[in-house]
């Protein structure tokens, strides 16, 4: 069993399609955009950043890795 005082920090993900991933985390998961720059977007709750998406130019999707 996990200790009740255990908490999880934010995650940083490199993504090929930044717009698509922002749409997913915002519209499907329900997170809010907290910060936005040219190649990085931070999403989370009003008081806590949870996901940092960093655009990886020329990135590609790899299945089953």
PDB file of N, CA and C in Angstrom:
ATOM      1  N   UNK A   1       0.844  -1.180   0.000  1.00  0.00           N
ATOM      2  CA  UNK A   1       0.000   0.000   0.000  1.00  0.00           C
ATOM      3  C   UNK A   1       0.892   1.246   0.000  1.00  0.00           C
ATOM      4  N   UNK A   2       0.459   2.249  -0.703  1.00  0.00           N
ATOM      5  CA  UNK A   2       1.206   3.505  -0.804  1.00  0.00           C
ATOM      6  C   UNK A   2       0.887   4.368   0.407  1.00  0.00           C
ATOM      7  N   UNK A   3       1.907   4.985   0.966  1.00  0.00           N
ATOM      8  CA  UNK A   3       1.730   5.885   2.105  1.00  0.00           C
ATOM      9  C   UNK A   3       0.779   7.016   1.720  1.00  0.00           C
ATOM     10  N   UNK A   4      -0.204   7.359   2.568  1.00  0.00           N
ATOM     11  CA  UNK A   4      -1.174   8.410   2.251  1.00  0.00           C
ATOM     12  C   UNK A   4      -0.545   9.782   2.009  1.00  0.00           C
ATOM     13  N   UNK A   5       0.664  10.009   2.511  1.00  0.00           N
ATOM     14  CA  UNK A   5       1.306  11.307   2.316  1.00  0.00           C
ATOM     15  C   UNK A   5       2.126  11.358   1.027  1.00  0.00           C
ATOM     16  N   UNK A   6       2.106  10.286   0.260  1.00  0.00           N
ATOM     17  CA  UNK A   6       2.809  10.252  -1.015  1.00  0.00           C
ATOM     18  C   UNK A   6       2.104  11.190  -1.994  1.00  0.00           C
ATOM     19  N   UNK A   7       2.880  11.951  -2.741  1.00  0.00           N
ATOM     20  CA  UNK A   7       2.300  12.827  -3.757  1.00  0.00           C
ATOM     21  C   UNK A   7       3.095  12.675  -5.049  1.00  0.00           C
ATOM     22  N   UNK A   8       2.491  13.115  -6.117  1.00  0.00           N
ATOM     23  CA  UNK A   8       3.136  13.005  -7.413  1.00  0.00           C
ATOM     24  C   UNK A   8       3.415  14.400  -7.941  1.00  0.00           C
ATOM     25  N   UNK A   9       4.577  14.576  -8.526  1.00  0.00           N
ATOM     26  CA  UNK A   9       4.922  15.856  -9.124  1.00  0.00           C
ATOM     27  C   UNK A   9       4.420  15.932 -10.558  1.00  0.00           C
ATOM     28  N   UNK A  10       4.769  17.002 -11.220  1.00  0.00           N
ATOM     29  CA  UNK A  10       4.354  17.174 -12.610  1.00  0.00           C
ATOM     30  C   UNK A  10       5.203  16.303 -13.524  1.00  0.00           C
ATOM     31  N   UNK A  11       4.682  16.071 -14.719  1.00  0.00           N
ATOM     32  CA  UNK A  11       5.410  15.289 -15.717  1.00  0.00           C
ATOM     33  C   UNK A  11       5.784  16.191 -16.881  1.00  0.00           C
ATOM     34  N   UNK A  12       6.888  15.877 -17.537  1.00  0.00           N
ATOM     35  CA  UNK A  12       7.347  16.601 -18.718  1.00  0.00           C
ATOM     36  C   UNK A  12       7.346  15.625 -19.884  1.00  0.00           C
ATOM     37  N   UNK A  13       6.617  15.994 -20.929  1.00  0.00           N
ATOM     38  CA  UNK A  13       6.489  15.121 -22.088  1.00  0.00           C
ATOM     39  C   UNK A  13       6.955  15.839 -23.345  1.00  0.00           C
ATOM     40  N   UNK A  14       7.698  15.139 -24.170  1.00  0.00           N
ATOM     41  CA  UNK A  14       8.089  15.654 -25.489  1.00  0.00           C
ATOM     42  C   UNK A  14       7.045  15.136 -26.478  1.00  0.00           C
ATOM     43  N   UNK A  15       6.458  16.046 -27.242  1.00  0.00           N
ATOM     44  CA  UNK A  15       5.377  15.658 -28.151  1.00  0.00           C
ATOM     45  C   UNK A  15       5.636  16.181 -29.555  1.00  0.00           C
ATOM     46  N   UNK A  16       5.208  15.400 -30.542  1.00  0.00           N
ATOM     47  CA  UNK A  16       5.372  15.800 -31.937  1.00  0.00           C
ATOM     48  C   UNK A  16       4.287  16.786 -32.355  1.00  0.00           C
ATOM     49  N   UNK A  17       3.070  16.604 -31.844  1.00  0.00           N
ATOM     50  CA  UNK A  17       1.940  17.454 -32.223  1.00  0.00           C
ATOM     51  C   UNK A  17       1.425  18.179 -30.979  1.00  0.00           C
ATOM     52  N   UNK A  18       1.964  19.348 -30.733  1.00  0.00           N
ATOM     53  CA  UNK A  18       1.641  20.106 -29.531  1.00  0.00           C
ATOM     54  C   UNK A  18       0.160  20.464 -29.461  1.00  0.00           C
ATOM     55  N   UNK A  19      -0.401  20.939 -30.548  1.00  0.00           N
ATOM     56  CA  UNK A  19      -1.820  21.328 -30.550  1.00  0.00           C
ATOM     57  C   UNK A  19      -2.735  20.152 -30.229  1.00  0.00           C
ATOM     58  N   UNK A  20      -2.457  19.007 -30.807  1.00  0.00           N
ATOM     59  CA  UNK A  20      -3.281  17.817 -30.574  1.00  0.00           C
ATOM     60  C   UNK A  20      -3.210  17.384 -29.112  1.00  0.00           C
ATOM     61  N   UNK A  21      -2.038  17.429 -28.533  1.00  0.00           N
ATOM     62  CA  UNK A  21      -1.885  16.999 -27.143  1.00  0.00           C
ATOM     63  C   UNK A  21      -2.513  17.992 -26.171  1.00  0.00           C
ATOM     64  N   UNK A  22      -2.419  19.289 -26.475  1.00  0.00           N
ATOM     65  CA  UNK A  22      -3.085  20.289 -25.637  1.00  0.00           C
ATOM     66  C   UNK A  22      -4.597  20.061 -25.674  1.00  0.00           C
ATOM     67  N   UNK A  23      -5.131  19.806 -26.855  1.00  0.00           N
ATOM     68  CA  UNK A  23      -6.561  19.538 -26.981  1.00  0.00           C
ATOM     69  C   UNK A  23      -6.959  18.336 -26.133  1.00  0.00           C
ATOM     70  N   UNK A  24      -6.173  17.273 -26.160  1.00  0.00           N
ATOM     71  CA  UNK A  24      -6.466  16.081 -25.368  1.00  0.00           C
ATOM     72  C   UNK A  24      -6.472  16.396 -23.874  1.00  0.00           C
ATOM     73  N   UNK A  25      -5.391  16.969 -23.367  1.00  0.00           N
ATOM     74  CA  UNK A  25      -5.296  17.220 -21.933  1.00  0.00           C
ATOM     75  C   UNK A  25      -6.310  18.264 -21.456  1.00  0.00           C
ATOM     76  N   UNK A  26      -6.660  19.204 -22.302  1.00  0.00           N
ATOM     77  CA  UNK A  26      -7.631  20.235 -21.936  1.00  0.00           C
ATOM     78  C   UNK A  26      -9.069  19.712 -22.055  1.00  0.00           C
ATOM     79  N   UNK A  27      -9.419  19.153 -23.206  1.00  0.00           N
ATOM     80  CA  UNK A  27     -10.814  18.803 -23.476  1.00  0.00           C
ATOM     81  C   UNK A  27     -11.222  17.429 -22.958  1.00  0.00           C
ATOM     82  N   UNK A  28     -10.314  16.470 -22.959  1.00  0.00           N
ATOM     83  CA  UNK A  28     -10.649  15.118 -22.510  1.00  0.00           C
ATOM     84  C   UNK A  28     -10.340  14.934 -21.028  1.00  0.00           C
ATOM     85  N   UNK A  29      -9.150  15.339 -20.604  1.00  0.00           N
ATOM     86  CA  UNK A  29      -8.749  15.161 -19.211  1.00  0.00           C
ATOM     87  C   UNK A  29      -9.304  16.274 -18.318  1.00  0.00           C
ATOM     88  N   UNK A  30      -9.469  17.470 -18.872  1.00  0.00           N
ATOM     89  CA  UNK A  30     -10.058  18.570 -18.114  1.00  0.00           C
ATOM     90  C   UNK A  30      -9.068  19.507 -17.449  1.00  0.00           C
ATOM     91  N   UNK A  31      -7.806  19.477 -17.885  1.00  0.00           N
ATOM     92  CA  UNK A  31      -6.812  20.389 -17.312  1.00  0.00           C
ATOM     93  C   UNK A  31      -6.923  21.762 -17.967  1.00  0.00           C
ATOM     94  N   UNK A  32      -6.394  22.755 -17.291  1.00  0.00           N
ATOM     95  CA  UNK A  32      -6.394  24.122 -17.803  1.00  0.00           C
ATOM     96  C   UNK A  32      -4.999  24.488 -18.290  1.00  0.00           C
ATOM     97  N   UNK A  33      -4.939  25.319 -19.337  1.00  0.00           N
ATOM     98  CA  UNK A  33      -3.649  25.838 -19.788  1.00  0.00           C
ATOM     99  C   UNK A  33      -3.210  26.896 -18.780  1.00  0.00           C
ATOM    100  N   UNK A  34      -2.046  26.695 -18.178  1.00  0.00           N
ATOM    101  CA  UNK A  34      -1.527  27.615 -17.162  1.00  0.00           C
ATOM    102  C   UNK A  34      -0.473  28.560 -17.722  1.00  0.00           C
ATOM    103  N   UNK A  35       0.385  28.049 -18.588  1.00  0.00           N
ATOM    104  CA  UNK A  35       1.447  28.844 -19.208  1.00  0.00           C
ATOM    105  C   UNK A  35       1.624  28.379 -20.642  1.00  0.00           C
ATOM    106  N   UNK A  36       2.025  29.323 -21.488  1.00  0.00           N
ATOM    107  CA  UNK A  36       2.182  28.980 -22.900  1.00  0.00           C
ATOM    108  C   UNK A  36       3.332  29.785 -23.486  1.00  0.00           C
ATOM    109  N   UNK A  37       4.219  29.095 -24.207  1.00  0.00           N
ATOM    110  CA  UNK A  37       5.274  29.772 -24.957  1.00  0.00           C
ATOM    111  C   UNK A  37       5.256  29.175 -26.360  1.00  0.00           C
ATOM    112  N   UNK A  38       6.222  29.529 -27.172  1.00  0.00           N
ATOM    113  CA  UNK A  38       6.252  29.058 -28.554  1.00  0.00           C
ATOM    114  C   UNK A  38       6.319  27.538 -28.659  1.00  0.00           C
ATOM    115  N   UNK A  39       7.068  26.886 -27.757  1.00  0.00           N
ATOM    116  CA  UNK A  39       7.238  25.438 -27.882  1.00  0.00           C
ATOM    117  C   UNK A  39       6.932  24.637 -26.618  1.00  0.00           C
ATOM    118  N   UNK A  40       6.401  25.290 -25.588  1.00  0.00           N
ATOM    119  CA  UNK A  40       6.071  24.588 -24.350  1.00  0.00           C
ATOM    120  C   UNK A  40       4.742  25.096 -23.798  1.00  0.00           C
ATOM    121  N   UNK A  41       3.919  24.166 -23.337  1.00  0.00           N
ATOM    122  CA  UNK A  41       2.649  24.522 -22.707  1.00  0.00           C
ATOM    123  C   UNK A  41       2.539  23.743 -21.405  1.00  0.00           C
ATOM    124  N   UNK A  42       2.152  24.429 -20.336  1.00  0.00           N
ATOM    125  CA  UNK A  42       1.950  23.814 -19.036  1.00  0.00           C
ATOM    126  C   UNK A  42       0.467  23.764 -18.748  1.00  0.00           C
ATOM    127  N   UNK A  43      -0.010  22.586 -18.348  1.00  0.00           N
ATOM    128  CA  UNK A  43      -1.411  22.405 -18.003  1.00  0.00           C
ATOM    129  C   UNK A  43      -1.525  21.885 -16.576  1.00  0.00           C
ATOM    130  N   UNK A  44      -2.672  22.133 -15.964  1.00  0.00           N
ATOM    131  CA  UNK A  44      -2.894  21.631 -14.616  1.00  0.00           C
ATOM    132  C   UNK A  44      -4.182  22.174 -14.051  1.00  0.00           C
ATOM    133  N   UNK A  45      -4.223  22.252 -12.721  1.00  0.00           N
ATOM    134  CA  UNK A  45      -5.353  22.845 -12.017  1.00  0.00           C
ATOM    135  C   UNK A  45      -4.989  24.295 -11.730  1.00  0.00           C
ATOM    136  N   UNK A  46      -5.929  25.106 -11.271  1.00  0.00           N
ATOM    137  CA  UNK A  46      -5.587  26.507 -11.005  1.00  0.00           C
ATOM    138  C   UNK A  46      -4.435  26.694 -10.015  1.00  0.00           C
ATOM    139  N   UNK A  47      -4.208  25.722  -9.148  1.00  0.00           N
ATOM    140  CA  UNK A  47      -3.172  25.868  -8.127  1.00  0.00           C
ATOM    141  C   UNK A  47      -1.965  24.953  -8.312  1.00  0.00           C
ATOM    142  N   UNK A  48      -2.009  24.085  -9.356  1.00  0.00           N
ATOM    143  CA  UNK A  48      -0.918  23.115  -9.469  1.00  0.00           C
ATOM    144  C   UNK A  48      -0.640  22.718 -10.920  1.00  0.00           C
ATOM    145  N   UNK A  49       0.570  22.972 -11.410  1.00  0.00           N
ATOM    146  CA  UNK A  49       0.938  22.483 -12.743  1.00  0.00           C
ATOM    147  C   UNK A  49       1.119  20.966 -12.695  1.00  0.00           C
ATOM    148  N   UNK A  50       0.589  20.268 -13.692  1.00  0.00           N
ATOM    149  CA  UNK A  50       0.667  18.811 -13.704  1.00  0.00           C
ATOM    150  C   UNK A  50       1.372  18.242 -14.932  1.00  0.00           C
ATOM    151  N   UNK A  51       1.208  18.887 -16.086  1.00  0.00           N
ATOM    152  CA  UNK A  51       1.776  18.372 -17.335  1.00  0.00           C
ATOM    153  C   UNK A  51       2.472  19.502 -18.073  1.00  0.00           C
ATOM    154  N   UNK A  52       3.741  19.292 -18.424  1.00  0.00           N
ATOM    155  CA  UNK A  52       4.502  20.232 -19.237  1.00  0.00           C
ATOM    156  C   UNK A  52       4.715  19.559 -20.585  1.00  0.00           C
ATOM    157  N   UNK A  53       4.129  20.111 -21.636  1.00  0.00           N
ATOM    158  CA  UNK A  53       4.283  19.565 -22.979  1.00  0.00           C
ATOM    159  C   UNK A  53       5.322  20.387 -23.719  1.00  0.00           C
ATOM    160  N   UNK A  54       6.326  19.721 -24.248  1.00  0.00           N
ATOM    161  CA  UNK A  54       7.392  20.395 -24.987  1.00  0.00           C
ATOM    162  C   UNK A  54       7.381  19.877 -26.418  1.00  0.00           C
ATOM    163  N   UNK A  55       7.238  20.797 -27.375  1.00  0.00           N
ATOM    164  CA  UNK A  55       7.191  20.408 -28.775  1.00  0.00           C
ATOM    165  C   UNK A  55       8.543  19.893 -29.240  1.00  0.00           C
ATOM    166  N   UNK A  56       8.521  18.725 -29.837  1.00  0.00           N
ATOM    167  CA  UNK A  56       9.726  18.113 -30.376  1.00  0.00           C
ATOM    168  C   UNK A  56       9.630  18.184 -31.896  1.00  0.00           C
ATOM    169  N   UNK A  57      10.265  19.181 -32.516  1.00  0.00           N
ATOM    170  CA  UNK A  57      10.193  19.310 -33.973  1.00  0.00           C
ATOM    171  C   UNK A  57      10.640  18.019 -34.655  1.00  0.00           C
ATOM    172  N   UNK A  58       9.928  17.658 -35.689  1.00  0.00           N
ATOM    173  CA  UNK A  58      10.228  16.444 -36.452  1.00  0.00           C
ATOM    174  C   UNK A  58      10.128  15.167 -35.625  1.00  0.00           C
ATOM    175  N   UNK A  59       9.405  15.254 -34.505  1.00  0.00           N
ATOM    176  CA  UNK A  59       9.194  14.054 -33.691  1.00  0.00           C
ATOM    177  C   UNK A  59       8.254  13.117 -34.423  1.00  0.00           C
ATOM    178  N   UNK A  60       8.269  11.870 -34.033  1.00  0.00           N
ATOM    179  CA  UNK A  60       7.386  10.899 -34.664  1.00  0.00           C
ATOM    180  C   UNK A  60       6.829   9.953 -33.617  1.00  0.00           C
ATOM    181  N   UNK A  61       5.701   9.378 -33.920  1.00  0.00           N
ATOM    182  CA  UNK A  61       5.025   8.469 -33.025  1.00  0.00           C
ATOM    183  C   UNK A  61       5.602   7.068 -33.172  1.00  0.00           C
ATOM    184  N   UNK A  62       5.950   6.455 -32.040  1.00  0.00           N
ATOM    185  CA  UNK A  62       6.455   5.092 -32.070  1.00  0.00           C
ATOM    186  C   UNK A  62       5.463   4.200 -31.333  1.00  0.00           C
ATOM    187  N   UNK A  63       4.916   3.251 -32.023  1.00  0.00           N
ATOM    188  CA  UNK A  63       3.942   2.342 -31.405  1.00  0.00           C
ATOM    189  C   UNK A  63       4.661   1.312 -30.522  1.00  0.00           C
ATOM    190  N   UNK A  64       4.016   0.978 -29.417  1.00  0.00           N
ATOM    191  CA  UNK A  64       4.445  -0.107 -28.533  1.00  0.00           C
ATOM    192  C   UNK A  64       5.862   0.052 -27.994  1.00  0.00           C
ATOM    193  N   UNK A  65       6.228   1.282 -27.650  1.00  0.00           N
ATOM    194  CA  UNK A  65       7.531   1.514 -27.029  1.00  0.00           C
ATOM    195  C   UNK A  65       7.323   2.120 -25.680  1.00  0.00           C
TER     196      UNK A  65
END
